[in-house]
């Protein structure tokens, strides 16, 4: 007679698992992301434990157990030798949030946005949302600094820090029941901000790309050098412009130096001239507005530049203004030669 134990009975409803005790932002978000999937749903039960026997009963386990096996739905990152990254050029080691997003991100975006998983929108936003939101949580949880040198200031307002403050303080009473209750708050906080960022990217950031594409394609009709880009309406342009420069293989000597756009939507709106930054998030410009113009305003700036309608040039030279589109364009043309 066989002494083998009877086969384990398959669960009829999914059960999510993560570790008990103090919680962190990565597993709080990982659980929220899993509950966005149709296979689990927002009401999927969760057990928080470090008992292997308890975790073995779970359908999916995140951030505990010492195993990374997508086929078995095990997503821990603490084990020796774990070096998994997102791919697509990203180099930050993943936390449980990054692991869940890597394997289920397209399906999550498809579900939330109500689009086919093969949609170009899902394809474009999948790496963008990782870069904008998830990667920082991976880096923080794995103790990876965002910069190579010492930080010039301290930040305790990031999402990981705010989730951390939901844990009971060291000198307050604590219990498993309280921690489980607080974990629900943490998961909702992390997940709510994830959804808010996705909503912005889908409804504001991505539509802006079409506006930037048209302006970049028309830049040589604005000025033969191609170094001035004009937007007839304002939109977020910096990151899109840098991405398009690479996609279009624009030669270094033809890269845009100045961008023009209206301050408002009425015909009498003033216009801005802005120097293109060296990289999308840099404060360093490719060619700042002329030093002699900086910090000068109104009539005095008109006399200095020989251009009517000048409003200002910032002391750092990265932005200026004119009362008209024509005036802003002339400021750009003059600045190219100075």
C-alpha atoms as a PDB file:
ATOM      1  CA  UNK A   1       0.000   0.000   0.000  1.00  0.00           C
ATOM      2  CA  UNK A   2       1.417   3.396  -0.994  1.00  0.00           C
ATOM      3  CA  UNK A   3       2.424   5.768   1.794  1.00  0.00           C
ATOM      4  CA  UNK A   4       2.451   8.817  -0.502  1.00  0.00           C
ATOM      5  CA  UNK A   5       0.284  11.699   0.720  1.00  0.00           C
ATOM      6  CA  UNK A   6      -2.904  12.335  -1.205  1.00  0.00           C
ATOM      7  CA  UNK A   7      -2.618  14.976  -3.967  1.00  0.00           C
ATOM      8  CA  UNK A   8      -3.288  18.540  -2.873  1.00  0.00           C
ATOM      9  CA  UNK A   9      -6.784  19.664  -3.719  1.00  0.00           C
ATOM     10  CA  UNK A  10      -6.802  22.557  -6.178  1.00  0.00           C
ATOM     11  CA  UNK A  11      -8.256  25.820  -4.899  1.00  0.00           C
ATOM     12  CA  UNK A  12     -11.537  26.852  -6.425  1.00  0.00           C
ATOM     13  CA  UNK A  13     -10.962  30.543  -5.622  1.00  0.00           C
ATOM     14  CA  UNK A  14      -7.648  32.433  -5.911  1.00  0.00           C
ATOM     15  CA  UNK A  15      -5.725  33.396  -2.803  1.00  0.00           C
ATOM     16  CA  UNK A  16      -3.003  36.041  -2.771  1.00  0.00           C
ATOM     17  CA  UNK A  17      -0.113  35.873  -0.340  1.00  0.00           C
ATOM     18  CA  UNK A  18       2.595  38.171   0.972  1.00  0.00           C
ATOM     19  CA  UNK A  19       4.616  38.462   4.167  1.00  0.00           C
ATOM     20  CA  UNK A  20       3.325  39.478   7.556  1.00  0.00           C
ATOM     21  CA  UNK A  21       4.789  42.180   9.768  1.00  0.00           C
ATOM     22  CA  UNK A  22       6.062  45.570   8.600  1.00  0.00           C
ATOM     23  CA  UNK A  23       4.992  46.292   5.036  1.00  0.00           C
ATOM     24  CA  UNK A  24       6.641  48.225   2.221  1.00  0.00           C
ATOM     25  CA  UNK A  25       5.487  49.965  -0.912  1.00  0.00           C
ATOM     26  CA  UNK A  26       6.554  47.236  -3.336  1.00  0.00           C
ATOM     27  CA  UNK A  27       4.303  44.450  -2.052  1.00  0.00           C
ATOM     28  CA  UNK A  28       1.505  46.939  -1.325  1.00  0.00           C
ATOM     29  CA  UNK A  29       1.508  47.876  -5.004  1.00  0.00           C
ATOM     30  CA  UNK A  30       2.066  44.290  -6.173  1.00  0.00           C
ATOM     31  CA  UNK A  31      -1.096  43.144  -4.401  1.00  0.00           C
ATOM     32  CA  UNK A  32      -3.085  46.061  -5.814  1.00  0.00           C
ATOM     33  CA  UNK A  33      -1.866  45.260  -9.351  1.00  0.00           C
ATOM     34  CA  UNK A  34      -2.840  41.618  -9.036  1.00  0.00           C
ATOM     35  CA  UNK A  35      -6.328  42.634  -7.952  1.00  0.00           C
ATOM     36  CA  UNK A  36      -6.677  44.631 -11.181  1.00  0.00           C
ATOM     37  CA  UNK A  37      -6.426  41.398 -13.171  1.00  0.00           C
ATOM     38  CA  UNK A  38      -9.701  39.690 -14.167  1.00  0.00           C
ATOM     39  CA  UNK A  39      -8.305  36.363 -12.931  1.00  0.00           C
ATOM     40  CA  UNK A  40      -8.231  37.657  -9.341  1.00  0.00           C
ATOM     41  CA  UNK A  41     -10.371  40.785  -9.063  1.00  0.00           C
ATOM     42  CA  UNK A  42     -10.588  43.484  -6.384  1.00  0.00           C
ATOM     43  CA  UNK A  43     -12.125  41.114  -3.851  1.00  0.00           C
ATOM     44  CA  UNK A  44      -9.396  38.457  -4.086  1.00  0.00           C
ATOM     45  CA  UNK A  45      -8.570  37.405  -0.505  1.00  0.00           C
ATOM     46  CA  UNK A  46      -5.079  38.041   0.844  1.00  0.00           C
ATOM     47  CA  UNK A  47      -3.105  36.227   3.509  1.00  0.00           C
ATOM     48  CA  UNK A  48      -0.083  37.843   5.135  1.00  0.00           C
ATOM     49  CA  UNK A  49       2.246  35.230   6.620  1.00  0.00           C
ATOM     50  CA  UNK A  50       5.803  33.923   6.649  1.00  0.00           C
ATOM     51  CA  UNK A  51       4.721  30.338   7.291  1.00  0.00           C
ATOM     52  CA  UNK A  52       5.737  28.225   4.238  1.00  0.00           C
ATOM     53  CA  UNK A  53       2.773  25.905   4.777  1.00  0.00           C
ATOM     54  CA  UNK A  54       0.358  28.842   4.639  1.00  0.00           C
ATOM     55  CA  UNK A  55       2.060  30.382   1.603  1.00  0.00           C
ATOM     56  CA  UNK A  56       2.025  27.058  -0.226  1.00  0.00           C
ATOM     57  CA  UNK A  57      -1.768  27.242  -0.302  1.00  0.00           C
ATOM     58  CA  UNK A  58      -1.698  30.605  -2.083  1.00  0.00           C
ATOM     59  CA  UNK A  59      -2.335  31.007  -5.799  1.00  0.00           C
ATOM     60  CA  UNK A  60       0.164  33.871  -6.079  1.00  0.00           C
ATOM     61  CA  UNK A  61       2.878  34.837  -3.587  1.00  0.00           C
ATOM     62  CA  UNK A  62       4.750  38.165  -3.680  1.00  0.00           C
ATOM     63  CA  UNK A  63       7.744  39.466  -1.732  1.00  0.00           C
ATOM     64  CA  UNK A  64       8.247  36.388   0.410  1.00  0.00           C
ATOM     65  CA  UNK A  65       9.201  32.727   0.062  1.00  0.00           C
ATOM     66  CA  UNK A  66      12.634  33.065  -1.535  1.00  0.00           C
ATOM     67  CA  UNK A  67      11.441  31.965  -4.990  1.00  0.00           C
ATOM     68  CA  UNK A  68      11.089  33.729  -8.316  1.00  0.00           C
ATOM     69  CA  UNK A  69       9.210  31.441 -10.682  1.00  0.00           C
ATOM     70  CA  UNK A  70       6.652  33.102 -12.990  1.00  0.00           C
ATOM     71  CA  UNK A  71       5.209  29.752 -14.015  1.00  0.00           C
ATOM     72  CA  UNK A  72       4.475  28.926 -10.378  1.00  0.00           C
ATOM     73  CA  UNK A  73       3.310  32.512  -9.706  1.00  0.00           C
ATOM     74  CA  UNK A  74       6.033  33.098  -7.118  1.00  0.00           C
ATOM     75  CA  UNK A  75       7.490  36.613  -7.133  1.00  0.00           C
ATOM     76  CA  UNK A  76      10.121  37.168  -4.447  1.00  0.00           C
ATOM     77  CA  UNK A  77      13.314  39.166  -4.953  1.00  0.00           C
ATOM     78  CA  UNK A  78      15.200  38.687  -1.677  1.00  0.00           C
ATOM     79  CA  UNK A  79      16.963  35.415  -2.485  1.00  0.00           C
ATOM     80  CA  UNK A  80      20.679  35.145  -3.143  1.00  0.00           C
ATOM     81  CA  UNK A  81      21.559  35.436  -6.821  1.00  0.00           C
ATOM     82  CA  UNK A  82      18.405  37.297  -7.837  1.00  0.00           C
ATOM     83  CA  UNK A  83      19.297  39.924 -10.459  1.00  0.00           C
ATOM     84  CA  UNK A  84      16.147  40.170 -12.591  1.00  0.00           C
ATOM     85  CA  UNK A  85      15.550  43.497 -14.377  1.00  0.00           C
ATOM     86  CA  UNK A  86      12.657  44.823 -16.434  1.00  0.00           C
ATOM     87  CA  UNK A  87      14.445  44.693 -19.794  1.00  0.00           C
ATOM     88  CA  UNK A  88      14.084  47.298 -22.587  1.00  0.00           C
ATOM     89  CA  UNK A  89      17.319  48.920 -21.430  1.00  0.00           C
ATOM     90  CA  UNK A  90      16.340  49.302 -17.756  1.00  0.00           C
ATOM     91  CA  UNK A  91      19.032  48.184 -15.310  1.00  0.00           C
ATOM     92  CA  UNK A  92      17.379  48.495 -11.890  1.00  0.00           C
ATOM     93  CA  UNK A  93      16.898  45.227 -10.021  1.00  0.00           C
ATOM     94  CA  UNK A  94      13.209  44.454  -9.603  1.00  0.00           C
ATOM     95  CA  UNK A  95      11.207  44.325  -6.390  1.00  0.00           C
ATOM     96  CA  UNK A  96       7.929  42.441  -6.115  1.00  0.00           C
ATOM     97  CA  UNK A  97       6.138  45.430  -7.668  1.00  0.00           C
ATOM     98  CA  UNK A  98       8.415  45.377 -10.695  1.00  0.00           C
ATOM     99  CA  UNK A  99       8.108  41.601 -11.042  1.00  0.00           C
ATOM    100  CA  UNK A 100       4.316  41.697 -11.086  1.00  0.00           C
ATOM    101  CA  UNK A 101       4.312  44.655 -13.477  1.00  0.00           C
ATOM    102  CA  UNK A 102       6.851  42.981 -15.785  1.00  0.00           C
ATOM    103  CA  UNK A 103       4.770  39.842 -16.167  1.00  0.00           C
ATOM    104  CA  UNK A 104       1.258  41.283 -15.987  1.00  0.00           C
ATOM    105  CA  UNK A 105       1.670  44.944 -16.979  1.00  0.00           C
ATOM    106  CA  UNK A 106       0.269  44.724 -20.514  1.00  0.00           C
ATOM    107  CA  UNK A 107      -2.799  42.851 -19.283  1.00  0.00           C
ATOM    108  CA  UNK A 108      -3.269  45.344 -16.446  1.00  0.00           C
ATOM    109  CA  UNK A 109      -3.080  48.316 -18.825  1.00  0.00           C
ATOM    110  CA  UNK A 110      -5.395  46.585 -21.293  1.00  0.00           C
ATOM    111  CA  UNK A 111      -7.937  45.966 -18.532  1.00  0.00           C
ATOM    112  CA  UNK A 112      -7.813  49.437 -16.972  1.00  0.00           C
ATOM    113  CA  UNK A 113      -7.842  51.303 -20.300  1.00  0.00           C
ATOM    114  CA  UNK A 114     -10.351  48.913 -21.896  1.00  0.00           C
ATOM    115  CA  UNK A 115      -8.109  48.434 -24.932  1.00  0.00           C
ATOM    116  CA  UNK A 116      -6.815  45.324 -26.718  1.00  0.00           C
ATOM    117  CA  UNK A 117      -3.540  44.106 -25.266  1.00  0.00           C
ATOM    118  CA  UNK A 118      -2.013  44.587 -28.746  1.00  0.00           C
ATOM    119  CA  UNK A 119      -3.069  48.261 -28.837  1.00  0.00           C
ATOM    120  CA  UNK A 120      -0.254  50.756 -29.654  1.00  0.00           C
ATOM    121  CA  UNK A 121      -1.335  52.702 -26.577  1.00  0.00           C
ATOM    122  CA  UNK A 122      -0.674  49.696 -24.321  1.00  0.00           C
ATOM    123  CA  UNK A 123       2.632  49.017 -26.095  1.00  0.00           C
ATOM    124  CA  UNK A 124       3.833  52.608 -25.624  1.00  0.00           C
ATOM    125  CA  UNK A 125       2.631  53.059 -22.057  1.00  0.00           C
ATOM    126  CA  UNK A 126       3.963  49.742 -20.722  1.00  0.00           C
ATOM    127  CA  UNK A 127       7.633  50.849 -20.512  1.00  0.00           C
ATOM    128  CA  UNK A 128       6.724  54.496 -19.902  1.00  0.00           C
ATOM    129  CA  UNK A 129       4.726  53.702 -16.757  1.00  0.00           C
ATOM    130  CA  UNK A 130       7.540  51.507 -15.517  1.00  0.00           C
ATOM    131  CA  UNK A 131      10.017  54.359 -16.001  1.00  0.00           C
ATOM    132  CA  UNK A 132       7.752  57.005 -14.472  1.00  0.00           C
ATOM    133  CA  UNK A 133       6.346  55.071 -11.541  1.00  0.00           C
ATOM    134  CA  UNK A 134       7.409  51.505 -10.821  1.00  0.00           C
ATOM    135  CA  UNK A 135      11.181  51.696 -11.291  1.00  0.00           C
ATOM    136  CA  UNK A 136      11.678  54.112  -8.399  1.00  0.00           C
ATOM    137  CA  UNK A 137       9.850  51.713  -6.070  1.00  0.00           C
ATOM    138  CA  UNK A 138      12.119  48.881  -7.247  1.00  0.00           C
ATOM    139  CA  UNK A 139      15.230  50.955  -6.659  1.00  0.00           C
ATOM    140  CA  UNK A 140      14.196  52.145  -3.205  1.00  0.00           C
ATOM    141  CA  UNK A 141      13.175  48.683  -1.990  1.00  0.00           C
ATOM    142  CA  UNK A 142      16.467  47.199  -3.218  1.00  0.00           C
ATOM    143  CA  UNK A 143      18.550  49.986  -1.664  1.00  0.00           C
ATOM    144  CA  UNK A 144      19.700  51.404  -5.004  1.00  0.00           C
ATOM    145  CA  UNK A 145      20.389  55.143  -5.014  1.00  0.00           C
ATOM    146  CA  UNK A 146      18.996  57.278  -7.805  1.00  0.00           C
ATOM    147  CA  UNK A 147      22.295  59.175  -8.109  1.00  0.00           C
ATOM    148  CA  UNK A 148      25.949  58.178  -8.029  1.00  0.00           C
ATOM    149  CA  UNK A 149      27.040  60.862  -5.556  1.00  0.00           C
ATOM    150  CA  UNK A 150      25.621  62.204  -2.312  1.00  0.00           C
ATOM    151  CA  UNK A 151      22.136  63.716  -2.422  1.00  0.00           C
ATOM    152  CA  UNK A 152      22.004  67.493  -2.136  1.00  0.00           C
ATOM    153  CA  UNK A 153      18.773  67.378  -0.124  1.00  0.00           C
ATOM    154  CA  UNK A 154      16.545  64.895   1.681  1.00  0.00           C
ATOM    155  CA  UNK A 155      13.127  63.804   0.447  1.00  0.00           C
ATOM    156  CA  UNK A 156      10.601  62.044   2.653  1.00  0.00           C
ATOM    157  CA  UNK A 157       7.581  62.807   0.502  1.00  0.00           C
ATOM    158  CA  UNK A 158       8.060  60.007  -2.059  1.00  0.00           C
ATOM    159  CA  UNK A 159       5.479  57.232  -2.245  1.00  0.00           C
ATOM    160  CA  UNK A 160       7.672  54.613  -0.568  1.00  0.00           C
ATOM    161  CA  UNK A 161       8.227  56.919   2.405  1.00  0.00           C
ATOM    162  CA  UNK A 162       4.533  57.741   2.712  1.00  0.00           C
ATOM    163  CA  UNK A 163       3.590  54.061   2.626  1.00  0.00           C
ATOM    164  CA  UNK A 164       6.214  53.400   5.295  1.00  0.00           C
ATOM    165  CA  UNK A 165       4.638  55.930   7.647  1.00  0.00           C
ATOM    166  CA  UNK A 166       1.411  53.892   7.646  1.00  0.00           C
ATOM    167  CA  UNK A 167       3.131  51.215   9.728  1.00  0.00           C
ATOM    168  CA  UNK A 168       2.639  51.614  13.485  1.00  0.00           C
ATOM    169  CA  UNK A 169       5.397  53.703  15.064  1.00  0.00           C
ATOM    170  CA  UNK A 170       8.036  51.971  17.165  1.00  0.00           C
ATOM    171  CA  UNK A 171       6.521  53.317  20.374  1.00  0.00           C
ATOM    172  CA  UNK A 172       2.892  52.536  19.512  1.00  0.00           C
ATOM    173  CA  UNK A 173       0.964  49.317  20.122  1.00  0.00           C
ATOM    174  CA  UNK A 174       1.060  46.888  17.205  1.00  0.00           C
ATOM    175  CA  UNK A 175      -0.520  43.586  16.280  1.00  0.00           C
ATOM    176  CA  UNK A 176      -1.006  41.368  13.234  1.00  0.00           C
ATOM    177  CA  UNK A 177      -4.587  42.573  12.980  1.00  0.00           C
ATOM    178  CA  UNK A 178      -3.548  46.237  13.014  1.00  0.00           C
ATOM    179  CA  UNK A 179      -0.783  45.651  10.468  1.00  0.00           C
ATOM    180  CA  UNK A 180      -3.188  43.837   8.158  1.00  0.00           C
ATOM    181  CA  UNK A 181      -5.626  46.737   8.405  1.00  0.00           C
ATOM    182  CA  UNK A 182      -2.871  49.274   7.710  1.00  0.00           C
ATOM    183  CA  UNK A 183      -1.666  47.184   4.766  1.00  0.00           C
ATOM    184  CA  UNK A 184      -5.047  47.664   3.104  1.00  0.00           C
ATOM    185  CA  UNK A 185      -4.555  51.444   3.401  1.00  0.00           C
ATOM    186  CA  UNK A 186      -1.031  51.138   2.017  1.00  0.00           C
ATOM    187  CA  UNK A 187      -2.158  49.087  -0.965  1.00  0.00           C
ATOM    188  CA  UNK A 188      -4.932  51.559  -1.776  1.00  0.00           C
ATOM    189  CA  UNK A 189      -2.515  54.486  -1.504  1.00  0.00           C
ATOM    190  CA  UNK A 190       0.076  52.912  -3.809  1.00  0.00           C
ATOM    191  CA  UNK A 191      -2.528  51.635  -6.233  1.00  0.00           C
ATOM    192  CA  UNK A 192      -4.426  54.906  -6.369  1.00  0.00           C
ATOM    193  CA  UNK A 193      -1.290  56.778  -7.357  1.00  0.00           C
ATOM    194  CA  UNK A 194      -0.454  54.110  -9.943  1.00  0.00           C
ATOM    195  CA  UNK A 195      -3.879  54.554 -11.551  1.00  0.00           C
ATOM    196  CA  UNK A 196      -3.609  58.347 -11.411  1.00  0.00           C
ATOM    197  CA  UNK A 197      -0.279  58.231 -13.236  1.00  0.00           C
ATOM    198  CA  UNK A 198      -1.659  55.846 -15.824  1.00  0.00           C
ATOM    199  CA  UNK A 199      -4.649  58.125 -16.369  1.00  0.00           C
ATOM    200  CA  UNK A 200      -2.354  61.124 -16.930  1.00  0.00           C
ATOM    201  CA  UNK A 201      -0.115  59.258 -19.348  1.00  0.00           C
ATOM    202  CA  UNK A 202      -3.017  57.889 -21.373  1.00  0.00           C
ATOM    203  CA  UNK A 203      -5.107  61.060 -21.498  1.00  0.00           C
ATOM    204  CA  UNK A 204      -2.515  63.870 -21.445  1.00  0.00           C
ATOM    205  CA  UNK A 205       1.052  62.706 -22.067  1.00  0.00           C
ATOM    206  CA  UNK A 206       0.395  60.382 -24.990  1.00  0.00           C
ATOM    207  CA  UNK A 207      -1.971  62.725 -26.922  1.00  0.00           C
ATOM    208  CA  UNK A 208       0.713  65.420 -26.703  1.00  0.00           C
ATOM    209  CA  UNK A 209       3.008  63.271 -28.847  1.00  0.00           C
ATOM    210  CA  UNK A 210       0.873  63.910 -31.953  1.00  0.00           C
ATOM    211  CA  UNK A 211       1.196  67.674 -31.449  1.00  0.00           C
ATOM    212  CA  UNK A 212       4.969  67.437 -31.060  1.00  0.00           C
ATOM    213  CA  UNK A 213       5.315  65.171 -34.114  1.00  0.00           C
ATOM    214  CA  UNK A 214       3.520  67.704 -36.340  1.00  0.00           C
ATOM    215  CA  UNK A 215       5.605  70.614 -35.049  1.00  0.00           C
ATOM    216  CA  UNK A 216       8.894  68.764 -35.464  1.00  0.00           C
ATOM    217  CA  UNK A 217       8.007  67.670 -38.982  1.00  0.00           C
ATOM    218  CA  UNK A 218       7.162  71.292 -39.889  1.00  0.00           C
ATOM    219  CA  UNK A 219      10.185  72.901 -38.231  1.00  0.00           C
ATOM    220  CA  UNK A 220      12.060  73.671 -41.487  1.00  0.00           C
ATOM    221  CA  UNK A 221       9.057  75.562 -42.827  1.00  0.00           C
ATOM    222  CA  UNK A 222       9.346  77.777 -39.731  1.00  0.00           C
ATOM    223  CA  UNK A 223      13.093  78.402 -40.092  1.00  0.00           C
ATOM    224  CA  UNK A 224      15.404  76.841 -42.645  1.00  0.00           C
ATOM    225  CA  UNK A 225      17.840  75.724 -39.957  1.00  0.00           C
ATOM    226  CA  UNK A 226      15.253  73.456 -38.349  1.00  0.00           C
ATOM    227  CA  UNK A 227      16.399  74.773 -34.981  1.00  0.00           C
ATOM    228  CA  UNK A 228      13.139  76.506 -34.052  1.00  0.00           C
ATOM    229  CA  UNK A 229       9.984  74.491 -33.301  1.00  0.00           C
ATOM    230  CA  UNK A 230       6.608  76.245 -33.058  1.00  0.00           C
ATOM    231  CA  UNK A 231       3.579  74.834 -31.256  1.00  0.00           C
ATOM    232  CA  UNK A 232       0.270  76.509 -32.082  1.00  0.00           C
ATOM    233  CA  UNK A 233      -1.008  75.242 -28.716  1.00  0.00           C
ATOM    234  CA  UNK A 234       0.913  74.353 -25.585  1.00  0.00           C
ATOM    235  CA  UNK A 235       1.478  70.712 -24.723  1.00  0.00           C
ATOM    236  CA  UNK A 236       4.067  68.751 -22.720  1.00  0.00           C
ATOM    237  CA  UNK A 237       6.878  68.656 -25.283  1.00  0.00           C
ATOM    238  CA  UNK A 238      10.324  68.088 -23.755  1.00  0.00           C
ATOM    239  CA  UNK A 239      10.368  64.314 -23.420  1.00  0.00           C
ATOM    240  CA  UNK A 240       8.524  63.758 -26.700  1.00  0.00           C
ATOM    241  CA  UNK A 241      10.946  66.044 -28.528  1.00  0.00           C
ATOM    242  CA  UNK A 242      14.013  64.185 -27.265  1.00  0.00           C
ATOM    243  CA  UNK A 243      12.474  60.816 -28.122  1.00  0.00           C
ATOM    244  CA  UNK A 244      11.530  61.968 -31.631  1.00  0.00           C
ATOM    245  CA  UNK A 245      14.995  63.359 -32.279  1.00  0.00           C
ATOM    246  CA  UNK A 246      16.345  59.854 -31.814  1.00  0.00           C
ATOM    247  CA  UNK A 247      13.576  58.174 -33.795  1.00  0.00           C
ATOM    248  CA  UNK A 248      14.019  60.613 -36.698  1.00  0.00           C
ATOM    249  CA  UNK A 249      17.837  60.520 -36.470  1.00  0.00           C
ATOM    250  CA  UNK A 250      18.048  64.322 -36.619  1.00  0.00           C
ATOM    251  CA  UNK A 251      21.707  65.331 -37.176  1.00  0.00           C
ATOM    252  CA  UNK A 252      23.451  67.014 -34.262  1.00  0.00           C
ATOM    253  CA  UNK A 253      23.881  70.263 -36.196  1.00  0.00           C
ATOM    254  CA  UNK A 254      20.121  70.420 -36.883  1.00  0.00           C
ATOM    255  CA  UNK A 255      18.813  69.695 -33.398  1.00  0.00           C
ATOM    256  CA  UNK A 256      16.152  72.191 -32.244  1.00  0.00           C
ATOM    257  CA  UNK A 257      17.459  74.907 -29.917  1.00  0.00           C
ATOM    258  CA  UNK A 258      14.294  76.917 -29.235  1.00  0.00           C
ATOM    259  CA  UNK A 259      10.601  76.139 -28.853  1.00  0.00           C
ATOM    260  CA  UNK A 260       7.811  78.701 -29.203  1.00  0.00           C
ATOM    261  CA  UNK A 261       4.251  78.365 -27.880  1.00  0.00           C
ATOM    262  CA  UNK A 262       1.323  80.583 -26.818  1.00  0.00           C
ATOM    263  CA  UNK A 263       0.657  81.226 -23.134  1.00  0.00           C
ATOM    264  CA  UNK A 264      -3.097  80.816 -23.572  1.00  0.00           C
ATOM    265  CA  UNK A 265      -5.814  79.896 -26.042  1.00  0.00           C
ATOM    266  CA  UNK A 266      -7.097  83.356 -27.063  1.00  0.00           C
ATOM    267  CA  UNK A 267      -5.853  85.159 -30.196  1.00  0.00           C
ATOM    268  CA  UNK A 268      -4.242  87.907 -28.109  1.00  0.00           C
ATOM    269  CA  UNK A 269      -2.255  85.496 -25.922  1.00  0.00           C
ATOM    270  CA  UNK A 270       1.367  86.311 -25.300  1.00  0.00           C
ATOM    271  CA  UNK A 271       4.026  83.901 -26.584  1.00  0.00           C
ATOM    272  CA  UNK A 272       6.896  82.135 -24.885  1.00  0.00           C
ATOM    273  CA  UNK A 273      10.303  81.229 -26.243  1.00  0.00           C
ATOM    274  CA  UNK A 274      12.004  78.398 -24.371  1.00  0.00           C
ATOM    275  CA  UNK A 275      15.480  76.973 -24.815  1.00  0.00           C
ATOM    276  CA  UNK A 276      15.542  73.215 -25.407  1.00  0.00           C
ATOM    277  CA  UNK A 277      17.227  71.418 -22.466  1.00  0.00           C
ATOM    278  CA  UNK A 278      20.198  69.134 -23.098  1.00  0.00           C
ATOM    279  CA  UNK A 279      18.092  66.221 -21.854  1.00  0.00           C
ATOM    280  CA  UNK A 280      14.393  66.177 -21.041  1.00  0.00           C
ATOM    281  CA  UNK A 281      14.765  66.742 -17.279  1.00  0.00           C
ATOM    282  CA  UNK A 282      17.889  68.912 -17.370  1.00  0.00           C
ATOM    283  CA  UNK A 283      18.157  72.519 -16.239  1.00  0.00           C
ATOM    284  CA  UNK A 284      21.022  72.983 -18.714  1.00  0.00           C
ATOM    285  CA  UNK A 285      19.993  74.366 -22.113  1.00  0.00           C
ATOM    286  CA  UNK A 286      21.500  73.483 -25.478  1.00  0.00           C
ATOM    287  CA  UNK A 287      21.738  77.212 -26.191  1.00  0.00           C
ATOM    288  CA  UNK A 288      20.370  79.547 -23.547  1.00  0.00           C
ATOM    289  CA  UNK A 289      18.988  82.909 -24.572  1.00  0.00           C
ATOM    290  CA  UNK A 290      21.768  85.531 -24.908  1.00  0.00           C
ATOM    291  CA  UNK A 291      23.441  86.526 -21.675  1.00  0.00           C
ATOM    292  CA  UNK A 292      22.945  90.230 -22.381  1.00  0.00           C
ATOM    293  CA  UNK A 293      19.145  89.746 -22.471  1.00  0.00           C
ATOM    294  CA  UNK A 294      18.858  87.884 -19.193  1.00  0.00           C
ATOM    295  CA  UNK A 295      16.981  89.566 -16.370  1.00  0.00           C
ATOM    296  CA  UNK A 296      15.844  92.436 -18.639  1.00  0.00           C
ATOM    297  CA  UNK A 297      12.166  93.277 -19.170  1.00  0.00           C
ATOM    298  CA  UNK A 298       9.667  95.210 -21.274  1.00  0.00           C
ATOM    299  CA  UNK A 299      10.772  98.453 -22.989  1.00  0.00           C
ATOM    300  CA  UNK A 300      14.365  98.093 -21.878  1.00  0.00           C
ATOM    301  CA  UNK A 301      14.474  94.651 -23.502  1.00  0.00           C
ATOM    302  CA  UNK A 302      12.841  96.062 -26.667  1.00  0.00           C
ATOM    303  CA  UNK A 303      15.682  98.596 -26.977  1.00  0.00           C
ATOM    304  CA  UNK A 304      18.370  96.026 -26.242  1.00  0.00           C
ATOM    305  CA  UNK A 305      17.116  93.459 -28.772  1.00  0.00           C
ATOM    306  CA  UNK A 306      15.635  95.781 -31.371  1.00  0.00           C
ATOM    307  CA  UNK A 307      12.439  93.687 -31.194  1.00  0.00           C
ATOM    308  CA  UNK A 308       9.048  95.170 -30.283  1.00  0.00           C
ATOM    309  CA  UNK A 309       6.793  93.576 -27.692  1.00  0.00           C
ATOM    310  CA  UNK A 310       9.405  91.906 -25.507  1.00  0.00           C
ATOM    311  CA  UNK A 311       8.117  90.953 -22.057  1.00  0.00           C
ATOM    312  CA  UNK A 312      11.063  89.335 -20.287  1.00  0.00           C
ATOM    313  CA  UNK A 313      14.009  86.960 -20.400  1.00  0.00           C
ATOM    314  CA  UNK A 314      14.631  84.873 -17.294  1.00  0.00           C
ATOM    315  CA  UNK A 315      17.861  85.510 -15.425  1.00  0.00           C
ATOM    316  CA  UNK A 316      18.953  81.934 -16.177  1.00  0.00           C
ATOM    317  CA  UNK A 317      18.267  82.378 -19.893  1.00  0.00           C
ATOM    318  CA  UNK A 318      16.098  79.286 -20.342  1.00  0.00           C
ATOM    319  CA  UNK A 319      12.819  81.121 -21.130  1.00  0.00           C
ATOM    320  CA  UNK A 320      11.527  84.461 -22.338  1.00  0.00           C
ATOM    321  CA  UNK A 321       8.358  86.068 -23.601  1.00  0.00           C
ATOM    322  CA  UNK A 322       6.927  88.411 -26.202  1.00  0.00           C
ATOM    323  CA  UNK A 323       3.495  89.930 -26.747  1.00  0.00           C
ATOM    324  CA  UNK A 324       3.204  88.358 -30.216  1.00  0.00           C
ATOM    325  CA  UNK A 325       4.150  85.191 -32.085  1.00  0.00           C
ATOM    326  CA  UNK A 326       6.106  87.265 -34.584  1.00  0.00           C
ATOM    327  CA  UNK A 327       8.060  88.930 -31.813  1.00  0.00           C
ATOM    328  CA  UNK A 328       8.889  85.620 -30.153  1.00  0.00           C
ATOM    329  CA  UNK A 329       9.995  84.242 -33.525  1.00  0.00           C
ATOM    330  CA  UNK A 330      12.315  87.189 -34.066  1.00  0.00           C
ATOM    331  CA  UNK A 331      13.807  86.656 -30.604  1.00  0.00           C
ATOM    332  CA  UNK A 332      14.561  83.059 -31.573  1.00  0.00           C
ATOM    333  CA  UNK A 333      16.098  84.036 -34.913  1.00  0.00           C
ATOM    334  CA  UNK A 334      18.302  86.679 -33.309  1.00  0.00           C
ATOM    335  CA  UNK A 335      19.316  84.321 -30.499  1.00  0.00           C
ATOM    336  CA  UNK A 336      20.488  81.716 -33.025  1.00  0.00           C
ATOM    337  CA  UNK A 337      23.149  84.107 -34.248  1.00  0.00           C
ATOM    338  CA  UNK A 338      24.308  85.442 -30.868  1.00  0.00           C
END
